[in-house]
Amino acid sequence: MGDFFRPEVRAFFWRWREVLLAGVVLLVGIWWALSGVGINVWLGYIFCLVGIAWAIAGVQRARFAQDGDGPGVVQIRERRLAYFGPLDGGIMDVADLSRLEIDPASHPDPSWVLTSIEGQILNIPINAKGAEDLFDVFAGLPDIKTNTVLDVLSHTPDARVTVWSRVKPLLH
């Protein structure tokens, strides 16, 4: 049964799976809200709200995800980010992240450039295996604008772009 769909179609459905499931939740919510009785009507409204919120988050994740055929593997465990590549890699705590950039000129694919407070630099190709999990890490950064990240990712710039940087605290 796995060969029923072409690989491109399977990849499309896998990438947009959250949006499709959110659409199902939204349709169930609409159906309950319009044809339900008693508490089912209110449950329908709640399902509609959950479906809409889930669809918005799913669209953002789908826009962020790449094909996953790039070099290396990204792992995120307990707010610690690790990248294991064929030529380089490293481990960085998310709390130590001070700057996030995208470098379109890196070879062989555009890369996220993460800089820590101590100056450690970690280059992660945007299409590395597991790189789609970086969306949740980036969304958790203080004062980041996810739409800016998605716009820069979808319209690859000509030069390195700083997407987010931590405001340095004043000592006095």
C-alpha atoms as a PDB file:
ATOM      1  CA  MET A   1       0.000   0.000   0.000  1.00  0.00           C
ATOM      2  CA  GLY A   2       2.988   2.295   0.545  1.00  0.00           C
ATOM      3  CA  ASP A   3       3.634   2.323  -3.207  1.00  0.00           C
ATOM      4  CA  PHE A   4       0.126   3.547  -4.019  1.00  0.00           C
ATOM      5  CA  PHE A   5       1.192   7.214  -3.896  1.00  0.00           C
ATOM      6  CA  ARG A   6       4.188   8.671  -5.669  1.00  0.00           C
ATOM      7  CA  PRO A   7       7.046   9.718  -3.358  1.00  0.00           C
ATOM      8  CA  GLU A   8       6.405  13.414  -4.080  1.00  0.00           C
ATOM      9  CA  VAL A   9       2.762  13.081  -3.051  1.00  0.00           C
ATOM     10  CA  ARG A  10       3.688  11.194   0.121  1.00  0.00           C
ATOM     11  CA  ALA A  11       6.259  13.877   0.962  1.00  0.00           C
ATOM     12  CA  PHE A  12       3.647  16.601   0.381  1.00  0.00           C
ATOM     13  CA  PHE A  13       1.104  14.937   2.676  1.00  0.00           C
ATOM     14  CA  TRP A  14       3.764  14.292   5.326  1.00  0.00           C
ATOM     15  CA  ARG A  15       4.918  17.923   5.256  1.00  0.00           C
ATOM     16  CA  TRP A  16       1.369  19.285   5.534  1.00  0.00           C
ATOM     17  CA  ARG A  17       0.036  16.567   7.889  1.00  0.00           C
ATOM     18  CA  GLU A  18      -0.645  18.951  10.792  1.00  0.00           C
ATOM     19  CA  VAL A  19      -2.694  21.274   8.594  1.00  0.00           C
ATOM     20  CA  LEU A  20      -4.691  18.340   7.210  1.00  0.00           C
ATOM     21  CA  LEU A  21      -5.414  16.981  10.707  1.00  0.00           C
ATOM     22  CA  ALA A  22      -6.356  20.469  11.893  1.00  0.00           C
ATOM     23  CA  GLY A  23      -8.775  20.678   8.967  1.00  0.00           C
ATOM     24  CA  VAL A  24     -10.412  17.430  10.103  1.00  0.00           C
ATOM     25  CA  VAL A  25     -10.753  18.779  13.664  1.00  0.00           C
ATOM     26  CA  LEU A  26     -12.222  22.012  12.265  1.00  0.00           C
ATOM     27  CA  LEU A  27     -14.740  20.119  10.113  1.00  0.00           C
ATOM     28  CA  VAL A  28     -15.838  18.003  13.087  1.00  0.00           C
ATOM     29  CA  GLY A  29     -16.188  21.176  15.134  1.00  0.00           C
ATOM     30  CA  ILE A  30     -18.314  22.855  12.459  1.00  0.00           C
ATOM     31  CA  TRP A  31     -20.472  19.775  12.138  1.00  0.00           C
ATOM     32  CA  TRP A  32     -21.041  19.567  15.901  1.00  0.00           C
ATOM     33  CA  ALA A  33     -21.637  23.317  16.193  1.00  0.00           C
ATOM     34  CA  LEU A  34     -24.289  23.306  13.445  1.00  0.00           C
ATOM     35  CA  SER A  35     -26.038  20.006  14.106  1.00  0.00           C
ATOM     36  CA  GLY A  36     -25.295  19.277  17.752  1.00  0.00           C
ATOM     37  CA  VAL A  37     -27.595  19.514  20.713  1.00  0.00           C
ATOM     38  CA  GLY A  38     -26.747  20.800  24.164  1.00  0.00           C
ATOM     39  CA  ILE A  39     -23.112  20.545  25.129  1.00  0.00           C
ATOM     40  CA  ASN A  40     -22.113  19.216  21.700  1.00  0.00           C
ATOM     41  CA  VAL A  41     -22.691  22.689  20.263  1.00  0.00           C
ATOM     42  CA  TRP A  42     -20.196  24.185  22.715  1.00  0.00           C
ATOM     43  CA  LEU A  43     -17.765  21.338  22.093  1.00  0.00           C
ATOM     44  CA  GLY A  44     -18.103  22.112  18.396  1.00  0.00           C
ATOM     45  CA  TYR A  45     -17.129  25.724  19.000  1.00  0.00           C
ATOM     46  CA  ILE A  46     -14.127  24.611  21.065  1.00  0.00           C
ATOM     47  CA  PHE A  47     -13.084  22.165  18.330  1.00  0.00           C
ATOM     48  CA  CYS A  48     -13.339  25.002  15.786  1.00  0.00           C
ATOM     49  CA  LEU A  49     -11.032  27.219  17.842  1.00  0.00           C
ATOM     50  CA  VAL A  50      -8.550  24.392  18.402  1.00  0.00           C
ATOM     51  CA  GLY A  51      -8.628  23.486  14.707  1.00  0.00           C
ATOM     52  CA  ILE A  52      -7.956  27.067  13.611  1.00  0.00           C
ATOM     53  CA  ALA A  53      -5.074  27.526  16.071  1.00  0.00           C
ATOM     54  CA  TRP A  54      -3.591  24.149  15.112  1.00  0.00           C
ATOM     55  CA  ALA A  55      -3.878  24.991  11.404  1.00  0.00           C
ATOM     56  CA  ILE A  56      -2.021  28.289  11.873  1.00  0.00           C
ATOM     57  CA  ALA A  57       0.803  26.534  13.731  1.00  0.00           C
ATOM     58  CA  GLY A  58       0.840  23.737  11.160  1.00  0.00           C
ATOM     59  CA  VAL A  59       1.177  26.162   8.246  1.00  0.00           C
ATOM     60  CA  GLN A  60       4.145  27.807   9.950  1.00  0.00           C
ATOM     61  CA  ARG A  61       5.825  24.438  10.580  1.00  0.00           C
ATOM     62  CA  ALA A  62       5.182  23.300   7.008  1.00  0.00           C
ATOM     63  CA  ARG A  63       6.689  26.518   5.624  1.00  0.00           C
ATOM     64  CA  PHE A  64       9.764  26.014   7.822  1.00  0.00           C
ATOM     65  CA  ALA A  65      10.349  22.346   6.944  1.00  0.00           C
ATOM     66  CA  GLN A  66      12.755  21.441   4.162  1.00  0.00           C
ATOM     67  CA  ASP A  67      13.316  18.139   2.372  1.00  0.00           C
ATOM     68  CA  GLY A  68      15.680  16.696   5.026  1.00  0.00           C
ATOM     69  CA  ASP A  69      18.206  15.375   2.483  1.00  0.00           C
ATOM     70  CA  GLY A  70      21.027  17.679   3.572  1.00  0.00           C
ATOM     71  CA  PRO A  71      24.205  16.694   5.362  1.00  0.00           C
ATOM     72  CA  GLY A  72      24.138  15.851   9.049  1.00  0.00           C
ATOM     73  CA  VAL A  73      21.623  15.206  11.791  1.00  0.00           C
ATOM     74  CA  VAL A  74      20.045  17.618  14.285  1.00  0.00           C
ATOM     75  CA  GLN A  75      18.983  16.426  17.732  1.00  0.00           C
ATOM     76  CA  ILE A  76      17.259  18.412  20.440  1.00  0.00           C
ATOM     77  CA  ARG A  77      17.183  16.982  23.935  1.00  0.00           C
ATOM     78  CA  GLU A  78      16.231  18.914  27.076  1.00  0.00           C
ATOM     79  CA  ARG A  79      16.932  22.375  25.616  1.00  0.00           C
ATOM     80  CA  ARG A  80      20.313  21.231  24.287  1.00  0.00           C
ATOM     81  CA  LEU A  81      20.812  21.398  20.553  1.00  0.00           C
ATOM     82  CA  ALA A  82      23.257  19.042  18.843  1.00  0.00           C
ATOM     83  CA  TYR A  83      24.328  18.911  15.215  1.00  0.00           C
ATOM     84  CA  PHE A  84      26.383  16.012  13.889  1.00  0.00           C
ATOM     85  CA  GLY A  85      27.649  16.700  10.390  1.00  0.00           C
ATOM     86  CA  PRO A  86      30.067  14.954   8.075  1.00  0.00           C
ATOM     87  CA  LEU A  87      32.764  17.625   8.526  1.00  0.00           C
ATOM     88  CA  ASP A  88      31.788  19.543  11.646  1.00  0.00           C
ATOM     89  CA  GLY A  89      29.230  19.701  14.397  1.00  0.00           C
ATOM     90  CA  GLY A  90      28.709  20.733  17.949  1.00  0.00           C
ATOM     91  CA  ILE A  91      26.450  21.016  20.943  1.00  0.00           C
ATOM     92  CA  MET A  92      24.911  24.217  22.273  1.00  0.00           C
ATOM     93  CA  ASP A  93      22.460  25.001  25.041  1.00  0.00           C
ATOM     94  CA  VAL A  94      19.454  26.926  23.761  1.00  0.00           C
ATOM     95  CA  ALA A  95      19.699  29.280  26.756  1.00  0.00           C
ATOM     96  CA  ASP A  96      23.210  30.303  25.605  1.00  0.00           C
ATOM     97  CA  LEU A  97      22.075  31.300  22.122  1.00  0.00           C
ATOM     98  CA  SER A  98      22.802  34.974  21.457  1.00  0.00           C
ATOM     99  CA  ARG A  99      22.381  35.338  17.678  1.00  0.00           C
ATOM    100  CA  LEU A 100      20.575  33.485  14.887  1.00  0.00           C
ATOM    101  CA  GLU A 101      21.501  34.087  11.257  1.00  0.00           C
ATOM    102  CA  ILE A 102      20.910  32.447   7.903  1.00  0.00           C
ATOM    103  CA  ASP A 103      23.866  32.153   5.538  1.00  0.00           C
ATOM    104  CA  PRO A 104      22.800  31.476   1.942  1.00  0.00           C
ATOM    105  CA  ALA A 105      26.415  31.290   0.729  1.00  0.00           C
ATOM    106  CA  SER A 106      27.439  28.298   2.862  1.00  0.00           C
ATOM    107  CA  HIS A 107      28.339  25.135   0.994  1.00  0.00           C
ATOM    108  CA  PRO A 108      26.588  22.892  -0.064  1.00  0.00           C
ATOM    109  CA  ASP A 109      23.269  24.293   1.205  1.00  0.00           C
ATOM    110  CA  PRO A 110      22.140  27.448   3.032  1.00  0.00           C
ATOM    111  CA  SER A 111      22.725  27.134   6.766  1.00  0.00           C
ATOM    112  CA  TRP A 112      21.471  28.432  10.061  1.00  0.00           C
ATOM    113  CA  VAL A 113      24.343  30.074  11.924  1.00  0.00           C
ATOM    114  CA  LEU A 114      23.858  29.923  15.683  1.00  0.00           C
ATOM    115  CA  THR A 115      26.194  31.920  17.928  1.00  0.00           C
ATOM    116  CA  SER A 116      26.407  31.406  21.674  1.00  0.00           C
ATOM    117  CA  ILE A 117      27.165  33.969  24.358  1.00  0.00           C
ATOM    118  CA  GLU A 118      30.729  32.608  24.597  1.00  0.00           C
ATOM    119  CA  GLY A 119      31.223  33.028  20.827  1.00  0.00           C
ATOM    120  CA  GLN A 120      30.804  29.377  19.805  1.00  0.00           C
ATOM    121  CA  ILE A 121      29.425  29.144  16.260  1.00  0.00           C
ATOM    122  CA  LEU A 122      27.320  26.236  15.053  1.00  0.00           C
ATOM    123  CA  ASN A 123      26.418  25.973  11.349  1.00  0.00           C
ATOM    124  CA  ILE A 124      23.387  23.781  10.612  1.00  0.00           C
ATOM    125  CA  PRO A 125      22.196  23.217   7.020  1.00  0.00           C
ATOM    126  CA  ILE A 126      18.537  24.177   6.679  1.00  0.00           C
ATOM    127  CA  ASN A 127      17.768  20.778   5.156  1.00  0.00           C
ATOM    128  CA  ALA A 128      19.680  18.558   7.592  1.00  0.00           C
ATOM    129  CA  LYS A 129      17.790  15.569   8.952  1.00  0.00           C
ATOM    130  CA  GLY A 130      15.775  16.725  11.959  1.00  0.00           C
ATOM    131  CA  ALA A 131      16.208  20.443  11.180  1.00  0.00           C
ATOM    132  CA  GLU A 132      12.425  20.897  11.148  1.00  0.00           C
ATOM    133  CA  ASP A 133      12.552  20.551  14.956  1.00  0.00           C
ATOM    134  CA  LEU A 134      14.486  23.817  15.087  1.00  0.00           C
ATOM    135  CA  PHE A 135      11.223  25.684  14.469  1.00  0.00           C
ATOM    136  CA  ASP A 136      10.070  25.035  18.028  1.00  0.00           C
ATOM    137  CA  VAL A 137      13.476  26.068  19.398  1.00  0.00           C
ATOM    138  CA  PHE A 138      13.467  29.283  17.379  1.00  0.00           C
ATOM    139  CA  ALA A 139       9.842  30.052  18.268  1.00  0.00           C
ATOM    140  CA  GLY A 140      10.781  29.851  21.957  1.00  0.00           C
ATOM    141  CA  LEU A 141      13.429  32.564  21.695  1.00  0.00           C
ATOM    142  CA  PRO A 142      12.426  35.820  23.401  1.00  0.00           C
ATOM    143  CA  ASP A 143      11.077  38.542  21.097  1.00  0.00           C
ATOM    144  CA  ILE A 144      11.575  36.548  17.891  1.00  0.00           C
ATOM    145  CA  LYS A 145       9.179  37.131  15.033  1.00  0.00           C
ATOM    146  CA  THR A 146       8.428  33.771  13.405  1.00  0.00           C
ATOM    147  CA  ASN A 147       7.035  35.460  10.292  1.00  0.00           C
ATOM    148  CA  THR A 148      10.415  37.124   9.762  1.00  0.00           C
ATOM    149  CA  VAL A 149      12.150  33.752  10.042  1.00  0.00           C
ATOM    150  CA  LEU A 150       9.736  32.180   7.566  1.00  0.00           C
ATOM    151  CA  ASP A 151      10.023  35.082   5.114  1.00  0.00           C
ATOM    152  CA  VAL A 152      13.826  34.971   5.141  1.00  0.00           C
ATOM    153  CA  LEU A 153      13.730  31.201   4.704  1.00  0.00           C
ATOM    154  CA  SER A 154      11.298  31.296   1.786  1.00  0.00           C
ATOM    155  CA  HIS A 155      13.058  34.170  -0.039  1.00  0.00           C
ATOM    156  CA  THR A 156      16.684  33.181   0.311  1.00  0.00           C
ATOM    157  CA  PRO A 157      18.703  36.402   0.582  1.00  0.00           C
ATOM    158  CA  ASP A 158      21.965  37.171  -1.222  1.00  0.00           C
ATOM    159  CA  ALA A 159      24.019  37.765   1.931  1.00  0.00           C
ATOM    160  CA  ARG A 160      24.012  36.611   5.553  1.00  0.00           C
ATOM    161  CA  VAL A 161      20.982  37.932   7.450  1.00  0.00           C
ATOM    162  CA  THR A 162      20.605  38.225  11.209  1.00  0.00           C
ATOM    163  CA  VAL A 163      17.151  36.925  12.032  1.00  0.00           C
ATOM    164  CA  TRP A 164      17.343  37.294  15.811  1.00  0.00           C
ATOM    165  CA  SER A 165      19.808  38.534  18.407  1.00  0.00           C
ATOM    166  CA  ARG A 166      19.614  38.699  22.133  1.00  0.00           C
ATOM    167  CA  VAL A 167      19.558  42.133  23.682  1.00  0.00           C
ATOM    168  CA  LYS A 168      22.624  42.416  25.872  1.00  0.00           C
ATOM    169  CA  PRO A 169      21.727  43.308  29.464  1.00  0.00           C
ATOM    170  CA  LEU A 170      23.093  46.553  30.834  1.00  0.00           C
ATOM    171  CA  LEU A 171      25.300  46.130  33.872  1.00  0.00           C
ATOM    172  CA  HIS A 172      24.702  49.589  35.297  1.00  0.00           C
END
